[in-house]
Structure formats: C-alpha cells, structure tokens
Amino acid sequence: MNLPISLTLLRIFFVPLVVVLLLTKGQNMDLWAVLVFLLAAVTDLLDGMLARRRGQITKLGILLDPIADKILISSAFISLVELHLVPAWMVVIIVGREFAVSGLRSIASAKGYLLEPSELGKTKMVFEVAAITVIILEARRFQFLHLLGDVLVWMVMVFAVVSAVQYFWSFWKRLDERAKRRPSHRVLVMAREERAPEEKDVAAQ
C-alpha cells in the first residue's frame, strides 16, 4: 500500500470522528469538527499530488479516492440535516448525485474503463468543503455568515447536477464510440474467415 492510498483511507477513518464532533454538544465542539473536517479534506489534495509526483497513480487509487470524498461529504451533510442547518431535500439531491455517479463508475469499470474525476467534479468538492465549513461556523458563532452559507449550498447543487450530467454524457459517448468500432471489427473477422478457405484451396493446388 503506497502513501497516497494510505491518505485516502485515512480520510475515510476521519468520517466517524467528524460526525461525532458535529452531533456532540459541548464547548468548542464545532471548532474541533471544522478542524478535523478540513484536515480530512486536505488529505484529498495531498493524495492526488503525491500520486502524480511519485508516479503512484493506480486503478485502486482512482476508484477509492472519489469514494472517500463521497463518504466524507455525504456524512457531513447528513449530520447538518440532523442539526436542522441544511434543508433535507437539498441534501437528498447532493447525496443522490454521489450515489448515481458512484454507480456509473462501477458500470464503466465493469465495461473496462475508468471515469476519472472531472474539473467540474473537483470544483463541486471545493464548494462542498467551503459550504460545510461556513455552515458549521455560522450555526453557533458567526451568524453573519448565514447568507454566504446559503449561497455556497446552492452552488454545490448547481455543480452537482452539471457535473453529473457531464459524467453521464461522457459515459454514453464512450459506449457509442465502442459500438461504432465493433462493426468494423466484425467485418474484418468475416473477411478473414472468407479468405481462409481460398488460401487452403491455393495450398492444395
């Protein structure tokens, strides 16, 4: 197991701690929750950077990294719903998008190719981290950040939907390209099969 994958797994292990800190009432618990959450988010930057710098980009890492992100973000948003800080319907859309894209990645992997994270998906992740951080801080300490938190959640919604459409479009585009290549391959195979008897006749003569 290389260092980038270890950081990805560490991000997953941070998830229960983030949830406990968010749902526990106590002095400075919100600050601890933000600190641990941001630390987990930083590992997302580090694992990708280290994987590229060390040449340790693997299929496991490509598959595991977005899963770790989705678990962290989904758990944080669901906790915020429990605290009545974010509307449940918005979180349903955000988390539902994560499940849909994860399912799409599994189907793509079964067909022999990987859907790598897009720039829109990465931008969505930045807005998610910012939204969760601001909402946690404004709930108990900085009420003037309430409007900013609402704007950031809506930005997450927009990028979630748009990036999901991009992933599905990319998936169907690859399927179409593969379908277009298959007939030519079959024609080539049939042509070879038709030439084979002729070659045998020549050899017999």
Protein backbone atom coordinates (compact mmCIF):
# COMPACT_ATOMS: atom_id res chain seq x y z
CA MET A 1 0.00 0.00 0.00
CA ASN A 2 1.52 3.32 -1.07
CA LEU A 3 1.30 6.68 0.72
CA PRO A 4 -1.44 8.25 -1.46
CA ILE A 5 -3.78 5.29 -0.85
CA SER A 6 -2.96 5.43 2.87
CA LEU A 7 -4.05 9.09 2.93
CA THR A 8 -7.27 8.17 1.14
CA LEU A 9 -8.01 5.50 3.74
CA LEU A 10 -7.18 8.00 6.50
CA ARG A 11 -9.84 10.31 5.07
CA ILE A 12 -12.39 7.51 5.42
CA PHE A 13 -11.33 6.87 9.02
CA PHE A 14 -11.85 10.58 9.79
CA VAL A 15 -15.55 10.34 8.88
CA PRO A 16 -16.89 8.86 12.17
CA LEU A 17 -14.89 11.40 14.17
CA VAL A 18 -16.32 14.29 12.13
CA VAL A 19 -19.87 13.01 12.65
CA VAL A 20 -19.38 12.56 16.41
CA LEU A 21 -17.93 16.05 16.79
CA LEU A 22 -20.75 17.61 14.77
CA LEU A 23 -23.52 15.90 16.72
CA THR A 24 -21.97 16.36 20.17
CA LYS A 25 -22.99 19.47 22.06
CA GLY A 26 -20.19 20.99 24.02
CA GLN A 27 -17.78 23.87 24.23
CA ASN A 28 -15.72 24.33 21.06
CA MET A 29 -17.03 21.09 19.56
CA ASP A 30 -17.92 22.97 16.38
CA LEU A 31 -14.35 24.23 16.08
CA TRP A 32 -12.99 20.72 16.53
CA ALA A 33 -15.43 19.44 13.93
CA VAL A 34 -14.27 22.07 11.43
CA LEU A 35 -10.62 21.33 12.18
CA VAL A 36 -10.96 17.57 11.67
CA PHE A 37 -13.17 18.05 8.60
CA LEU A 38 -10.67 20.40 6.96
CA LEU A 39 -7.82 18.05 7.83
CA ALA A 40 -9.70 15.24 6.11
CA ALA A 41 -10.33 17.49 3.09
CA VAL A 42 -6.63 18.36 2.88
CA THR A 43 -5.76 14.67 2.52
CA ASP A 44 -7.77 14.78 -0.72
CA LEU A 45 -5.32 17.34 -2.11
CA LEU A 46 -2.28 15.54 -0.77
CA ASP A 47 -3.06 12.04 -2.04
CA GLY A 48 -3.58 13.24 -5.62
CA MET A 49 -0.49 15.46 -5.56
CA LEU A 50 1.72 12.74 -4.10
CA ALA A 51 0.37 10.12 -6.51
CA ARG A 52 1.29 12.28 -9.51
CA ARG A 53 4.66 13.36 -8.11
CA ARG A 54 5.71 9.83 -7.14
CA GLY A 55 4.23 8.15 -10.18
CA GLN A 56 1.96 6.08 -7.93
CA ILE A 57 -1.32 6.58 -9.80
CA THR A 58 -3.12 3.23 -9.60
CA LYS A 59 -6.55 1.93 -10.58
CA LEU A 60 -7.28 1.30 -6.90
CA GLY A 61 -6.43 4.89 -6.05
CA ILE A 62 -8.55 6.27 -8.90
CA LEU A 63 -11.53 4.23 -7.70
CA LEU A 64 -11.01 4.70 -3.95
CA ASP A 65 -10.35 8.46 -3.92
CA PRO A 66 -13.83 9.60 -5.09
CA ILE A 67 -15.46 7.04 -2.80
CA ALA A 68 -13.63 8.52 0.20
CA ASP A 69 -14.71 12.02 -0.86
CA LYS A 70 -18.34 10.97 -1.18
CA ILE A 71 -18.40 9.28 2.23
CA LEU A 72 -16.88 12.34 3.91
CA ILE A 73 -19.13 14.90 2.22
CA SER A 74 -22.32 12.83 2.48
CA SER A 75 -21.77 12.13 6.18
CA ALA A 76 -21.15 15.80 6.92
CA PHE A 77 -24.26 16.98 5.02
CA ILE A 78 -26.47 14.33 6.62
CA SER A 79 -25.21 15.44 10.04
CA LEU A 80 -26.11 19.04 9.15
CA VAL A 81 -29.63 17.89 8.27
CA GLU A 82 -29.88 16.26 11.70
CA LEU A 83 -28.87 19.61 13.21
CA HIS A 84 -31.52 21.40 11.06
CA LEU A 85 -28.86 23.54 9.40
CA VAL A 86 -29.46 22.43 5.79
CA PRO A 87 -32.77 21.54 4.08
CA ALA A 88 -33.17 17.78 3.74
CA TRP A 89 -34.35 17.97 0.11
CA MET A 90 -31.12 19.69 -0.95
CA VAL A 91 -29.02 17.05 0.76
CA VAL A 92 -31.08 14.30 -0.88
CA ILE A 93 -30.17 15.74 -4.29
CA ILE A 94 -26.49 16.16 -3.38
CA VAL A 95 -26.10 12.71 -1.83
CA GLY A 96 -28.26 11.10 -4.53
CA ARG A 97 -25.94 12.53 -7.15
CA GLU A 98 -22.98 10.94 -5.36
CA PHE A 99 -24.63 7.52 -5.39
CA ALA A 100 -25.58 7.90 -9.06
CA VAL A 101 -22.05 8.81 -10.12
CA SER A 102 -20.58 6.01 -7.99
CA GLY A 103 -22.92 3.53 -9.68
CA LEU A 104 -21.93 4.90 -13.06
CA ARG A 105 -18.25 4.45 -12.23
CA SER A 106 -18.90 0.83 -11.25
CA ILE A 107 -20.68 0.15 -14.55
CA ALA A 108 -17.90 1.84 -16.50
CA SER A 109 -15.28 -0.18 -14.63
CA ALA A 110 -17.15 -3.40 -15.45
CA LYS A 111 -17.01 -2.42 -19.12
CA GLY A 112 -13.26 -1.95 -18.97
CA TYR A 113 -12.59 1.76 -18.50
CA LEU A 114 -12.39 4.33 -15.71
CA LEU A 115 -14.26 7.61 -15.33
CA GLU A 116 -11.66 9.93 -13.89
CA PRO A 117 -12.71 12.95 -11.77
CA SER A 118 -13.66 15.93 -13.93
CA GLU A 119 -12.80 19.58 -13.34
CA LEU A 120 -16.47 20.27 -12.57
CA GLY A 121 -16.43 17.47 -10.01
CA LYS A 122 -13.33 18.92 -8.38
CA THR A 123 -14.90 22.39 -8.30
CA LYS A 124 -18.00 20.88 -6.68
CA MET A 125 -15.79 19.36 -3.99
CA VAL A 126 -14.26 22.78 -3.23
CA PHE A 127 -17.71 24.34 -2.86
CA GLU A 128 -18.83 21.43 -0.66
CA VAL A 129 -15.90 21.87 1.71
CA ALA A 130 -16.46 25.63 1.84
CA ALA A 131 -20.23 25.27 2.37
CA ILE A 132 -19.93 22.73 5.18
CA THR A 133 -17.23 24.77 6.93
CA VAL A 134 -19.19 28.04 6.74
CA ILE A 135 -22.46 26.43 7.87
CA ILE A 136 -20.83 24.83 10.92
CA LEU A 137 -19.19 28.11 11.92
CA GLU A 138 -22.27 30.30 11.38
CA ALA A 139 -24.55 27.99 13.36
CA ARG A 140 -23.03 28.74 16.76
CA ARG A 141 -20.57 31.59 16.32
CA PHE A 142 -20.74 33.74 13.20
CA GLN A 143 -24.40 34.29 12.30
CA PHE A 144 -23.42 36.93 9.71
CA LEU A 145 -22.15 34.05 7.53
CA HIS A 146 -25.67 32.66 7.11
CA LEU A 147 -26.23 34.21 3.67
CA LEU A 148 -22.83 33.03 2.46
CA GLY A 149 -23.64 29.51 3.64
CA ASP A 150 -26.92 29.52 1.68
CA VAL A 151 -25.17 30.73 -1.47
CA LEU A 152 -22.48 28.07 -1.18
CA VAL A 153 -25.04 25.27 -0.75
CA TRP A 154 -26.83 26.43 -3.90
CA MET A 155 -23.50 26.48 -5.75
CA VAL A 156 -22.94 22.91 -4.60
CA MET A 157 -26.35 22.00 -6.01
CA VAL A 158 -25.58 23.57 -9.38
CA PHE A 159 -22.18 21.93 -9.76
CA ALA A 160 -23.53 18.61 -8.51
CA VAL A 161 -26.19 18.49 -11.22
CA VAL A 162 -23.98 19.84 -14.02
CA SER A 163 -21.04 17.55 -13.22
CA ALA A 164 -23.39 14.55 -13.02
CA VAL A 165 -24.71 15.35 -16.50
CA GLN A 166 -21.11 15.60 -17.71
CA TYR A 167 -20.23 12.19 -16.28
CA PHE A 168 -23.27 10.52 -17.85
CA TRP A 169 -22.62 12.23 -21.18
CA SER A 170 -19.01 11.05 -21.15
CA PHE A 171 -20.16 7.52 -20.32
CA TRP A 172 -22.70 7.33 -23.16
CA LYS A 173 -20.20 8.89 -25.56
CA ARG A 174 -17.70 6.14 -24.82
CA LEU A 175 -20.37 3.48 -25.26
CA ASP A 176 -21.28 4.95 -28.66
CA GLU A 177 -17.63 5.02 -29.72
CA ARG A 178 -17.20 1.39 -28.71
CA ALA A 179 -20.40 0.40 -30.52
CA LYS A 180 -19.19 2.12 -33.70
CA ARG A 181 -15.88 0.27 -33.60
CA ARG A 182 -17.46 -3.17 -33.25
CA PRO A 183 -18.99 -3.50 -36.77
CA SER A 184 -15.67 -2.78 -38.49
CA HIS A 185 -14.02 -5.41 -36.30
CA ARG A 186 -16.69 -7.95 -37.21
CA VAL A 187 -16.30 -7.18 -40.93
CA LEU A 188 -12.57 -7.74 -40.63
CA VAL A 189 -13.09 -11.08 -38.89
CA MET A 190 -15.63 -12.18 -41.50
CA ALA A 191 -13.28 -11.15 -44.32
CA ARG A 192 -10.51 -13.24 -42.80
CA GLU A 193 -12.84 -16.20 -42.46
CA GLU A 194 -13.86 -15.86 -46.13
CA ARG A 195 -10.23 -15.72 -47.27
CA ALA A 196 -9.22 -18.74 -45.23
CA PRO A 197 -10.91 -21.36 -47.49
CA GLU A 198 -9.44 -19.68 -50.57
CA GLU A 199 -5.95 -19.89 -49.06
CA LYS A 200 -6.49 -23.56 -48.30
CA ASP A 201 -7.54 -24.23 -51.92
CA VAL A 202 -4.43 -22.50 -53.25
CA ALA A 203 -2.26 -24.50 -50.89
CA ALA A 204 -3.91 -27.73 -52.02
CA GLN A 205 -3.18 -26.93 -55.66
